[in-house]
Amino acid sequence: MIKAWLIGVAILFVLTEFSIWLKQFMLPLPIYILGGAFLAIASNYEKGLLAMFRQPDSVTPDVLTQTATLINQASVLESNNTEVSSLPAVSEDQQATN
């Protein structure tokens, strides 16, 4: 029982001293920069290194989808404008009384 207690206290002492040392430990800035670059490369490893430097294609399916959506929205707006213009016009006198 006493051996387990002594081992537990020793482990806590070592961990405490290590945490104090770790708080005072400081790396130079270039190591942080290299570490950040390594993390960026590692996180994009699936895409491949050359994919980061390639120019994107000029026409992608997303652009075509967005263009088709805009054309549909414009045609809906034009059809709404023709419906609104077919309504009788309200004169300024009628607007002032409302």
PDB file of N, CA and C in Angstrom:
ATOM      1  N   MET A   1       0.826  -1.200   0.000  1.00  0.00           N
ATOM      2  CA  MET A   1       0.000   0.000   0.000  1.00  0.00           C
ATOM      3  C   MET A   1       0.870   1.265   0.000  1.00  0.00           C
ATOM      4  N   ILE A   2       1.914   1.237   0.812  1.00  0.00           N
ATOM      5  CA  ILE A   2       2.790   2.397   0.896  1.00  0.00           C
ATOM      6  C   ILE A   2       3.584   2.579  -0.393  1.00  0.00           C
ATOM      7  N   LYS A   3       3.907   1.450  -1.074  1.00  0.00           N
ATOM      8  CA  LYS A   3       4.628   1.562  -2.338  1.00  0.00           C
ATOM      9  C   LYS A   3       3.770   2.269  -3.391  1.00  0.00           C
ATOM     10  N   ALA A   4       2.493   1.942  -3.475  1.00  0.00           N
ATOM     11  CA  ALA A   4       1.585   2.567  -4.436  1.00  0.00           C
ATOM     12  C   ALA A   4       1.453   4.058  -4.146  1.00  0.00           C
ATOM     13  N   TRP A   5       1.404   4.411  -2.850  1.00  0.00           N
ATOM     14  CA  TRP A   5       1.292   5.820  -2.472  1.00  0.00           C
ATOM     15  C   TRP A   5       2.552   6.586  -2.869  1.00  0.00           C
ATOM     16  N   LEU A   6       3.715   5.997  -2.628  1.00  0.00           N
ATOM     17  CA  LEU A   6       4.974   6.652  -2.987  1.00  0.00           C
ATOM     18  C   LEU A   6       5.117   6.786  -4.504  1.00  0.00           C
ATOM     19  N   ILE A   7       4.731   5.786  -5.254  1.00  0.00           N
ATOM     20  CA  ILE A   7       4.790   5.858  -6.714  1.00  0.00           C
ATOM     21  C   ILE A   7       3.832   6.934  -7.233  1.00  0.00           C
ATOM     22  N   GLY A   8       2.640   7.016  -6.656  1.00  0.00           N
ATOM     23  CA  GLY A   8       1.672   8.045  -7.058  1.00  0.00           C
ATOM     24  C   GLY A   8       2.191   9.449  -6.798  1.00  0.00           C
ATOM     25  N   VAL A   9       2.784   9.665  -5.632  1.00  0.00           N
ATOM     26  CA  VAL A   9       3.349  10.979  -5.293  1.00  0.00           C
ATOM     27  C   VAL A   9       4.513  11.302  -6.226  1.00  0.00           C
ATOM     28  N   ALA A  10       5.351  10.335  -6.530  1.00  0.00           N
ATOM     29  CA  ALA A  10       6.486  10.561  -7.426  1.00  0.00           C
ATOM     30  C   ALA A  10       6.004  10.933  -8.828  1.00  0.00           C
ATOM     31  N   ILE A  11       4.982  10.239  -9.305  1.00  0.00           N
ATOM     32  CA  ILE A  11       4.446  10.555 -10.639  1.00  0.00           C
ATOM     33  C   ILE A  11       3.854  11.961 -10.660  1.00  0.00           C
ATOM     34  N   LEU A  12       3.097  12.321  -9.620  1.00  0.00           N
ATOM     35  CA  LEU A  12       2.538  13.680  -9.560  1.00  0.00           C
ATOM     36  C   LEU A  12       3.633  14.736  -9.496  1.00  0.00           C
ATOM     37  N   PHE A  13       4.712  14.454  -8.749  1.00  0.00           N
ATOM     38  CA  PHE A  13       5.823  15.393  -8.658  1.00  0.00           C
ATOM     39  C   PHE A  13       6.491  15.587 -10.023  1.00  0.00           C
ATOM     40  N   VAL A  14       6.732  14.493 -10.724  1.00  0.00           N
ATOM     41  CA  VAL A  14       7.368  14.565 -12.041  1.00  0.00           C
ATOM     42  C   VAL A  14       6.476  15.324 -13.023  1.00  0.00           C
ATOM     43  N   LEU A  15       5.186  15.048 -13.012  1.00  0.00           N
ATOM     44  CA  LEU A  15       4.261  15.751 -13.911  1.00  0.00           C
ATOM     45  C   LEU A  15       4.196  17.240 -13.605  1.00  0.00           C
ATOM     46  N   THR A  16       4.220  17.595 -12.319  1.00  0.00           N
ATOM     47  CA  THR A  16       4.192  19.010 -11.930  1.00  0.00           C
ATOM     48  C   THR A  16       5.455  19.727 -12.397  1.00  0.00           C
ATOM     49  N   GLU A  17       6.604  19.118 -12.168  1.00  0.00           N
ATOM     50  CA  GLU A  17       7.859  19.727 -12.603  1.00  0.00           C
ATOM     51  C   GLU A  17       7.923  19.845 -14.131  1.00  0.00           C
ATOM     52  N   PHE A  18       7.424  18.830 -14.819  1.00  0.00           N
ATOM     53  CA  PHE A  18       7.415  18.878 -16.285  1.00  0.00           C
ATOM     54  C   PHE A  18       6.499  19.997 -16.792  1.00  0.00           C
ATOM     55  N   SER A  19       5.339  20.183 -16.155  1.00  0.00           N
ATOM     56  CA  SER A  19       4.427  21.254 -16.599  1.00  0.00           C
ATOM     57  C   SER A  19       5.033  22.633 -16.349  1.00  0.00           C
ATOM     58  N   ILE A  20       5.754  22.785 -15.240  1.00  0.00           N
ATOM     59  CA  ILE A  20       6.430  24.069 -14.967  1.00  0.00           C
ATOM     60  C   ILE A  20       7.506  24.324 -16.028  1.00  0.00           C
ATOM     61  N   TRP A  21       8.286  23.300 -16.356  1.00  0.00           N
ATOM     62  CA  TRP A  21       9.315  23.448 -17.381  1.00  0.00           C
ATOM     63  C   TRP A  21       8.689  23.760 -18.735  1.00  0.00           C
ATOM     64  N   LEU A  22       7.567  23.114 -19.049  1.00  0.00           N
ATOM     65  CA  LEU A  22       6.907  23.305 -20.344  1.00  0.00           C
ATOM     66  C   LEU A  22       6.356  24.723 -20.488  1.00  0.00           C
ATOM     67  N   LYS A  23       5.880  25.319 -19.385  1.00  0.00           N
ATOM     68  CA  LYS A  23       5.373  26.694 -19.438  1.00  0.00           C
ATOM     69  C   LYS A  23       6.492  27.693 -19.754  1.00  0.00           C
ATOM     70  N   GLN A  24       7.697  27.408 -19.301  1.00  0.00           N
ATOM     71  CA  GLN A  24       8.814  28.309 -19.532  1.00  0.00           C
ATOM     72  C   GLN A  24       9.507  28.062 -20.858  1.00  0.00           C
ATOM     73  N   PHE A  25       9.195  26.965 -21.503  1.00  0.00           N
ATOM     74  CA  PHE A  25       9.831  26.600 -22.763  1.00  0.00           C
ATOM     75  C   PHE A  25       9.219  27.402 -23.899  1.00  0.00           C
ATOM     76  N   MET A  26      10.058  28.049 -24.711  1.00  0.00           N
ATOM     77  CA  MET A  26       9.557  28.865 -25.819  1.00  0.00           C
ATOM     78  C   MET A  26      10.361  28.545 -27.076  1.00  0.00           C
ATOM     79  N   LEU A  27       9.639  28.315 -28.172  1.00  0.00           N
ATOM     80  CA  LEU A  27      10.284  28.027 -29.444  1.00  0.00           C
ATOM     81  C   LEU A  27      10.472  29.314 -30.237  1.00  0.00           C
ATOM     82  N   PRO A  28      11.504  29.393 -31.055  1.00  0.00           N
ATOM     83  CA  PRO A  28      11.679  30.581 -31.902  1.00  0.00           C
ATOM     84  C   PRO A  28      10.610  30.622 -33.005  1.00  0.00           C
ATOM     85  N   LEU A  29      10.355  31.810 -33.518  1.00  0.00           N
ATOM     86  CA  LEU A  29       9.305  32.034 -34.509  1.00  0.00           C
ATOM     87  C   LEU A  29       9.441  31.185 -35.769  1.00  0.00           C
ATOM     88  N   PRO A  30      10.635  30.990 -36.332  1.00  0.00           N
ATOM     89  CA  PRO A  30      10.722  30.167 -37.550  1.00  0.00           C
ATOM     90  C   PRO A  30      10.204  28.741 -37.350  1.00  0.00           C
ATOM     91  N   ILE A  31      10.355  28.200 -36.162  1.00  0.00           N
ATOM     92  CA  ILE A  31       9.841  26.852 -35.917  1.00  0.00           C
ATOM     93  C   ILE A  31       8.316  26.857 -35.944  1.00  0.00           C
ATOM     94  N   TYR A  32       7.687  27.899 -35.414  1.00  0.00           N
ATOM     95  CA  TYR A  32       6.224  28.018 -35.491  1.00  0.00           C
ATOM     96  C   TYR A  32       5.773  28.132 -36.950  1.00  0.00           C
ATOM     97  N   ILE A  33       6.504  28.901 -37.747  1.00  0.00           N
ATOM     98  CA  ILE A  33       6.147  29.067 -39.162  1.00  0.00           C
ATOM     99  C   ILE A  33       6.285  27.742 -39.908  1.00  0.00           C
ATOM    100  N   LEU A  34       7.376  27.032 -39.672  1.00  0.00           N
ATOM    101  CA  LEU A  34       7.566  25.730 -40.317  1.00  0.00           C
ATOM    102  C   LEU A  34       6.504  24.731 -39.854  1.00  0.00           C
ATOM    103  N   GLY A  35       6.163  24.775 -38.589  1.00  0.00           N
ATOM    104  CA  GLY A  35       5.110  23.894 -38.082  1.00  0.00           C
ATOM    105  C   GLY A  35       3.770  24.191 -38.730  1.00  0.00           C
ATOM    106  N   GLY A  36       3.444  25.468 -38.918  1.00  0.00           N
ATOM    107  CA  GLY A  36       2.197  25.840 -39.585  1.00  0.00           C
ATOM    108  C   GLY A  36       2.173  25.398 -41.031  1.00  0.00           C
ATOM    109  N   ALA A  37       3.305  25.543 -41.715  1.00  0.00           N
ATOM    110  CA  ALA A  37       3.386  25.089 -43.109  1.00  0.00           C
ATOM    111  C   ALA A  37       3.225  23.572 -43.193  1.00  0.00           C
ATOM    112  N   PHE A  38       3.847  22.867 -42.278  1.00  0.00           N
ATOM    113  CA  PHE A  38       3.701  21.409 -42.252  1.00  0.00           C
ATOM    114  C   PHE A  38       2.248  21.007 -42.023  1.00  0.00           C
ATOM    115  N   LEU A  39       1.566  21.671 -41.097  1.00  0.00           N
ATOM    116  CA  LEU A  39       0.157  21.354 -40.847  1.00  0.00           C
ATOM    117  C   LEU A  39      -0.707  21.654 -42.065  1.00  0.00           C
ATOM    118  N   ALA A  40      -0.426  22.741 -42.773  1.00  0.00           N
ATOM    119  CA  ALA A  40      -1.190  23.071 -43.979  1.00  0.00           C
ATOM    120  C   ALA A  40      -0.992  22.015 -45.059  1.00  0.00           C
ATOM    121  N   ILE A  41       0.236  21.573 -45.235  1.00  0.00           N
ATOM    122  CA  ILE A  41       0.517  20.546 -46.245  1.00  0.00           C
ATOM    123  C   ILE A  41      -0.122  19.219 -45.839  1.00  0.00           C
ATOM    124  N   ALA A  42      -0.016  18.878 -44.576  1.00  0.00           N
ATOM    125  CA  ALA A  42      -0.575  17.607 -44.107  1.00  0.00           C
ATOM    126  C   ALA A  42      -2.099  17.596 -44.208  1.00  0.00           C
ATOM    127  N   SER A  43      -2.754  18.725 -43.955  1.00  0.00           N
ATOM    128  CA  SER A  43      -4.211  18.751 -44.014  1.00  0.00           C
ATOM    129  C   SER A  43      -4.725  18.712 -45.449  1.00  0.00           C
ATOM    130  N   ASN A  44      -3.905  19.132 -46.414  1.00  0.00           N
ATOM    131  CA  ASN A  44      -4.311  19.114 -47.820  1.00  0.00           C
ATOM    132  C   ASN A  44      -3.641  17.994 -48.595  1.00  0.00           C
ATOM    133  N   TYR A  45      -3.143  16.999 -47.904  1.00  0.00           N
ATOM    134  CA  TYR A  45      -2.388  15.916 -48.547  1.00  0.00           C
ATOM    135  C   TYR A  45      -3.255  15.123 -49.519  1.00  0.00           C
ATOM    136  N   GLU A  46      -4.558  14.961 -49.207  1.00  0.00           N
ATOM    137  CA  GLU A  46      -5.458  14.188 -50.070  1.00  0.00           C
ATOM    138  C   GLU A  46      -5.588  14.824 -51.451  1.00  0.00           C
ATOM    139  N   LYS A  47      -5.572  16.124 -51.505  1.00  0.00           N
ATOM    140  CA  LYS A  47      -5.735  16.838 -52.778  1.00  0.00           C
ATOM    141  C   LYS A  47      -4.468  16.763 -53.627  1.00  0.00           C
ATOM    142  N   GLY A  48      -3.361  16.516 -53.021  1.00  0.00           N
ATOM    143  CA  GLY A  48      -2.099  16.460 -53.750  1.00  0.00           C
ATOM    144  C   GLY A  48      -1.405  17.804 -53.717  1.00  0.00           C
ATOM    145  N   LEU A  49      -0.091  17.783 -53.778  1.00  0.00           N
ATOM    146  CA  LEU A  49       0.677  19.021 -53.715  1.00  0.00           C
ATOM    147  C   LEU A  49       0.501  19.881 -54.959  1.00  0.00           C
ATOM    148  N   LEU A  50       0.379  19.264 -56.121  1.00  0.00           N
ATOM    149  CA  LEU A  50       0.251  20.048 -57.348  1.00  0.00           C
ATOM    150  C   LEU A  50      -1.095  20.756 -57.446  1.00  0.00           C
ATOM    151  N   ALA A  51      -2.119  20.227 -56.789  1.00  0.00           N
ATOM    152  CA  ALA A  51      -3.436  20.862 -56.841  1.00  0.00           C
ATOM    153  C   ALA A  51      -3.423  22.240 -56.184  1.00  0.00           C
ATOM    154  N   MET A  52      -2.505  22.465 -55.249  1.00  0.00           N
ATOM    155  CA  MET A  52      -2.434  23.773 -54.594  1.00  0.00           C
ATOM    156  C   MET A  52      -1.904  24.842 -55.530  1.00  0.00           C
ATOM    157  N   PHE A  53      -1.093  24.440 -56.532  1.00  0.00           N
ATOM    158  CA  PHE A  53      -0.449  25.413 -57.403  1.00  0.00           C
ATOM    159  C   PHE A  53      -1.111  25.522 -58.775  1.00  0.00           C
ATOM    160  N   ARG A  54      -2.073  24.671 -59.067  1.00  0.00           N
ATOM    161  CA  ARG A  54      -2.749  24.723 -60.364  1.00  0.00           C
ATOM    162  C   ARG A  54      -3.766  25.857 -60.401  1.00  0.00           C
ATOM    163  N   GLN A  55      -3.952  26.399 -61.607  1.00  0.00           N
ATOM    164  CA  GLN A  55      -4.988  27.400 -61.814  1.00  0.00           C
ATOM    165  C   GLN A  55      -6.328  26.681 -61.944  1.00  0.00           C
ATOM    166  N   PRO A  56      -7.395  27.218 -61.359  1.00  0.00           N
ATOM    167  CA  PRO A  56      -8.692  26.564 -61.494  1.00  0.00           C
ATOM    168  C   PRO A  56      -9.189  26.640 -62.940  1.00  0.00           C
ATOM    169  N   ASP A  57     -10.012  25.673 -63.338  1.00  0.00           N
ATOM    170  CA  ASP A  57     -10.579  25.674 -64.685  1.00  0.00           C
ATOM    171  C   ASP A  57     -11.428  26.916 -64.881  1.00  0.00           C
ATOM    172  N   SER A  58     -11.451  27.410 -66.128  1.00  0.00           N
ATOM    173  CA  SER A  58     -12.170  28.654 -66.392  1.00  0.00           C
ATOM    174  C   SER A  58     -13.684  28.476 -66.272  1.00  0.00           C
ATOM    175  N   VAL A  59     -14.202  27.330 -66.699  1.00  0.00           N
ATOM    176  CA  VAL A  59     -15.634  27.085 -66.603  1.00  0.00           C
ATOM    177  C   VAL A  59     -15.831  25.799 -65.811  1.00  0.00           C
ATOM    178  N   THR A  60     -16.502  25.924 -64.714  1.00  0.00           N
ATOM    179  CA  THR A  60     -16.780  24.760 -63.886  1.00  0.00           C
ATOM    180  C   THR A  60     -18.283  24.518 -63.862  1.00  0.00           C
ATOM    181  N   PRO A  61     -18.719  23.337 -63.502  1.00  0.00           N
ATOM    182  CA  PRO A  61     -20.162  23.079 -63.433  1.00  0.00           C
ATOM    183  C   PRO A  61     -20.890  24.022 -62.488  1.00  0.00           C
ATOM    184  N   ASP A  62     -20.214  24.476 -61.425  1.00  0.00           N
ATOM    185  CA  ASP A  62     -20.857  25.392 -60.495  1.00  0.00           C
ATOM    186  C   ASP A  62     -21.195  26.715 -61.176  1.00  0.00           C
ATOM    187  N   VAL A  63     -20.284  27.202 -62.021  1.00  0.00           N
ATOM    188  CA  VAL A  63     -20.532  28.457 -62.728  1.00  0.00           C
ATOM    189  C   VAL A  63     -21.717  28.294 -63.670  1.00  0.00           C
ATOM    190  N   LEU A  64     -21.770  27.165 -64.357  1.00  0.00           N
ATOM    191  CA  LEU A  64     -22.892  26.924 -65.269  1.00  0.00           C
ATOM    192  C   LEU A  64     -24.201  26.832 -64.503  1.00  0.00           C
ATOM    193  N   THR A  65     -24.192  26.195 -63.360  1.00  0.00           N
ATOM    194  CA  THR A  65     -25.402  26.087 -62.546  1.00  0.00           C
ATOM    195  C   THR A  65     -25.842  27.465 -62.068  1.00  0.00           C
ATOM    196  N   GLN A  66     -24.880  28.281 -61.646  1.00  0.00           N
ATOM    197  CA  GLN A  66     -25.223  29.631 -61.186  1.00  0.00           C
ATOM    198  C   GLN A  66     -25.779  30.460 -62.333  1.00  0.00           C
ATOM    199  N   THR A  67     -25.205  30.313 -63.525  1.00  0.00           N
ATOM    200  CA  THR A  67     -25.697  31.064 -64.675  1.00  0.00           C
ATOM    201  C   THR A  67     -27.110  30.639 -65.024  1.00  0.00           C
ATOM    202  N   ALA A  68     -27.382  29.340 -65.018  1.00  0.00           N
ATOM    203  CA  ALA A  68     -28.729  28.859 -65.314  1.00  0.00           C
ATOM    204  C   ALA A  68     -29.717  29.366 -64.281  1.00  0.00           C
ATOM    205  N   THR A  69     -29.323  29.406 -63.025  1.00  0.00           N
ATOM    206  CA  THR A  69     -30.206  29.918 -61.972  1.00  0.00           C
ATOM    207  C   THR A  69     -30.497  31.396 -62.191  1.00  0.00           C
ATOM    208  N   LEU A  70     -29.468  32.166 -62.550  1.00  0.00           N
ATOM    209  CA  LEU A  70     -29.676  33.591 -62.791  1.00  0.00           C
ATOM    210  C   LEU A  70     -30.603  33.822 -63.981  1.00  0.00           C
ATOM    211  N   ILE A  71     -30.465  33.020 -65.032  1.00  0.00           N
ATOM    212  CA  ILE A  71     -31.341  33.162 -66.200  1.00  0.00           C
ATOM    213  C   ILE A  71     -32.780  32.847 -65.805  1.00  0.00           C
ATOM    214  N   ASN A  72     -32.974  31.807 -65.017  1.00  0.00           N
ATOM    215  CA  ASN A  72     -34.332  31.470 -64.560  1.00  0.00           C
ATOM    216  C   ASN A  72     -34.905  32.580 -63.694  1.00  0.00           C
ATOM    217  N   GLN A  73     -34.114  33.139 -62.815  1.00  0.00           N
ATOM    218  CA  GLN A  73     -34.598  34.223 -61.969  1.00  0.00           C
ATOM    219  C   GLN A  73     -34.939  35.448 -62.804  1.00  0.00           C
ATOM    220  N   ALA A  74     -34.137  35.752 -63.821  1.00  0.00           N
ATOM    221  CA  ALA A  74     -34.419  36.905 -64.675  1.00  0.00           C
ATOM    222  C   ALA A  74     -35.715  36.701 -65.443  1.00  0.00           C
ATOM    223  N   SER A  75     -35.956  35.493 -65.929  1.00  0.00           N
ATOM    224  CA  SER A  75     -37.199  35.251 -66.672  1.00  0.00           C
ATOM    225  C   SER A  75     -38.401  35.342 -65.743  1.00  0.00           C
ATOM    226  N   VAL A  76     -38.246  34.901 -64.489  1.00  0.00           N
ATOM    227  CA  VAL A  76     -39.353  35.033 -63.529  1.00  0.00           C
ATOM    228  C   VAL A  76     -39.613  36.502 -63.245  1.00  0.00           C
ATOM    229  N   LEU A  77     -38.568  37.297 -63.086  1.00  0.00           N
ATOM    230  CA  LEU A  77     -38.742  38.727 -62.839  1.00  0.00           C
ATOM    231  C   LEU A  77     -39.403  39.415 -64.033  1.00  0.00           C
ATOM    232  N   GLU A  78     -38.999  39.046 -65.243  1.00  0.00           N
ATOM    233  CA  GLU A  78     -39.601  39.656 -66.429  1.00  0.00           C
ATOM    234  C   GLU A  78     -41.082  39.300 -66.529  1.00  0.00           C
ATOM    235  N   SER A  79     -41.428  38.065 -66.207  1.00  0.00           N
ATOM    236  CA  SER A  79     -42.843  37.685 -66.261  1.00  0.00           C
ATOM    237  C   SER A  79     -43.635  38.411 -65.182  1.00  0.00           C
ATOM    238  N   ASN A  80     -43.021  38.651 -64.012  1.00  0.00           N
ATOM    239  CA  ASN A  80     -43.706  39.415 -62.959  1.00  0.00           C
ATOM    240  C   ASN A  80     -43.886  40.866 -63.379  1.00  0.00           C
ATOM    241  N   ASN A  81     -42.916  41.448 -64.072  1.00  0.00           N
ATOM    242  CA  ASN A  81     -43.017  42.837 -64.520  1.00  0.00           C
ATOM    243  C   ASN A  81     -44.128  42.999 -65.546  1.00  0.00           C
ATOM    244  N   THR A  82     -44.300  42.028 -66.421  1.00  0.00           N
ATOM    245  CA  THR A  82     -45.373  42.149 -67.411  1.00  0.00           C
ATOM    246  C   THR A  82     -46.728  42.038 -66.743  1.00  0.00           C
ATOM    247  N   GLU A  83     -46.834  41.216 -65.680  1.00  0.00           N
ATOM    248  CA  GLU A  83     -48.096  41.120 -64.964  1.00  0.00           C
ATOM    249  C   GLU A  83     -48.394  42.413 -64.231  1.00  0.00           C
ATOM    250  N   VAL A  84     -47.389  43.019 -63.623  1.00  0.00           N
ATOM    251  CA  VAL A  84     -47.585  44.265 -62.899  1.00  0.00           C
ATOM    252  C   VAL A  84     -47.937  45.386 -63.866  1.00  0.00           C
ATOM    253  N   SER A  85     -47.299  45.420 -65.035  1.00  0.00           N
ATOM    254  CA  SER A  85     -47.564  46.499 -65.974  1.00  0.00           C
ATOM    255  C   SER A  85     -48.953  46.371 -66.589  1.00  0.00           C
ATOM    256  N   SER A  86     -49.569  45.185 -66.555  1.00  0.00           N
ATOM    257  CA  SER A  86     -50.912  45.039 -67.103  1.00  0.00           C
ATOM    258  C   SER A  86     -51.982  45.549 -66.145  1.00  0.00           C
ATOM    259  N   LEU A  87     -51.617  45.821 -64.890  1.00  0.00           N
ATOM    260  CA  LEU A  87     -52.569  46.369 -63.937  1.00  0.00           C
ATOM    261  C   LEU A  87     -52.789  47.846 -64.246  1.00  0.00           C
ATOM    262  N   PRO A  88     -53.972  48.356 -63.894  1.00  0.00           N
ATOM    263  CA  PRO A  88     -54.217  49.783 -64.141  1.00  0.00           C
ATOM    264  C   PRO A  88     -53.281  50.647 -63.306  1.00  0.00           C
ATOM    265  N   ALA A  89     -52.836  51.736 -63.904  1.00  0.00           N
ATOM    266  CA  ALA A  89     -51.919  52.635 -63.226  1.00  0.00           C
ATOM    267  C   ALA A  89     -52.654  53.438 -62.167  1.00  0.00           C
ATOM    268  N   VAL A  90     -51.965  53.693 -61.067  1.00  0.00           N
ATOM    269  CA  VAL A  90     -52.535  54.489 -59.986  1.00  0.00           C
ATOM    270  C   VAL A  90     -51.967  55.891 -60.122  1.00  0.00           C
ATOM    271  N   SER A  91     -52.851  56.869 -60.168  1.00  0.00           N
ATOM    272  CA  SER A  91     -52.380  58.242 -60.334  1.00  0.00           C
ATOM    273  C   SER A  91     -51.815  58.761 -59.019  1.00  0.00           C
ATOM    274  N   GLU A  92     -51.100  59.872 -59.108  1.00  0.00           N
ATOM    275  CA  GLU A  92     -50.481  60.452 -57.920  1.00  0.00           C
ATOM    276  C   GLU A  92     -51.543  60.960 -56.956  1.00  0.00           C
ATOM    277  N   ASP A  93     -52.682  61.432 -57.454  1.00  0.00           N
ATOM    278  CA  ASP A  93     -53.752  61.914 -56.591  1.00  0.00           C
ATOM    279  C   ASP A  93     -54.319  60.760 -55.761  1.00  0.00           C
ATOM    280  N   GLN A  94     -54.477  59.609 -56.372  1.00  0.00           N
ATOM    281  CA  GLN A  94     -55.010  58.454 -55.643  1.00  0.00           C
ATOM    282  C   GLN A  94     -54.005  57.967 -54.596  1.00  0.00           C
ATOM    283  N   GLN A  95     -52.722  58.063 -54.913  1.00  0.00           N
ATOM    284  CA  GLN A  95     -51.707  57.640 -53.938  1.00  0.00           C
ATOM    285  C   GLN A  95     -51.671  58.588 -52.748  1.00  0.00           C
ATOM    286  N   ALA A  96     -51.884  59.874 -52.990  1.00  0.00           N
ATOM    287  CA  ALA A  96     -51.844  60.866 -51.925  1.00  0.00           C
ATOM    288  C   ALA A  96     -53.012  60.687 -50.965  1.00  0.00           C
ATOM    289  N   THR A  97     -54.169  60.254 -51.488  1.00  0.00           N
ATOM    290  CA  THR A  97     -55.341  60.072 -50.609  1.00  0.00           C
ATOM    291  C   THR A  97     -55.208  58.806 -49.785  1.00  0.00           C
ATOM    292  N   ASN A  98     -54.424  57.826 -50.253  1.00  0.00           N
ATOM    293  CA  ASN A  98     -54.261  56.571 -49.492  1.00  0.00           C
ATOM    294  C   ASN A  98     -53.224  56.815 -48.463  1.00  0.00           C
TER     295      ASN A  98
END
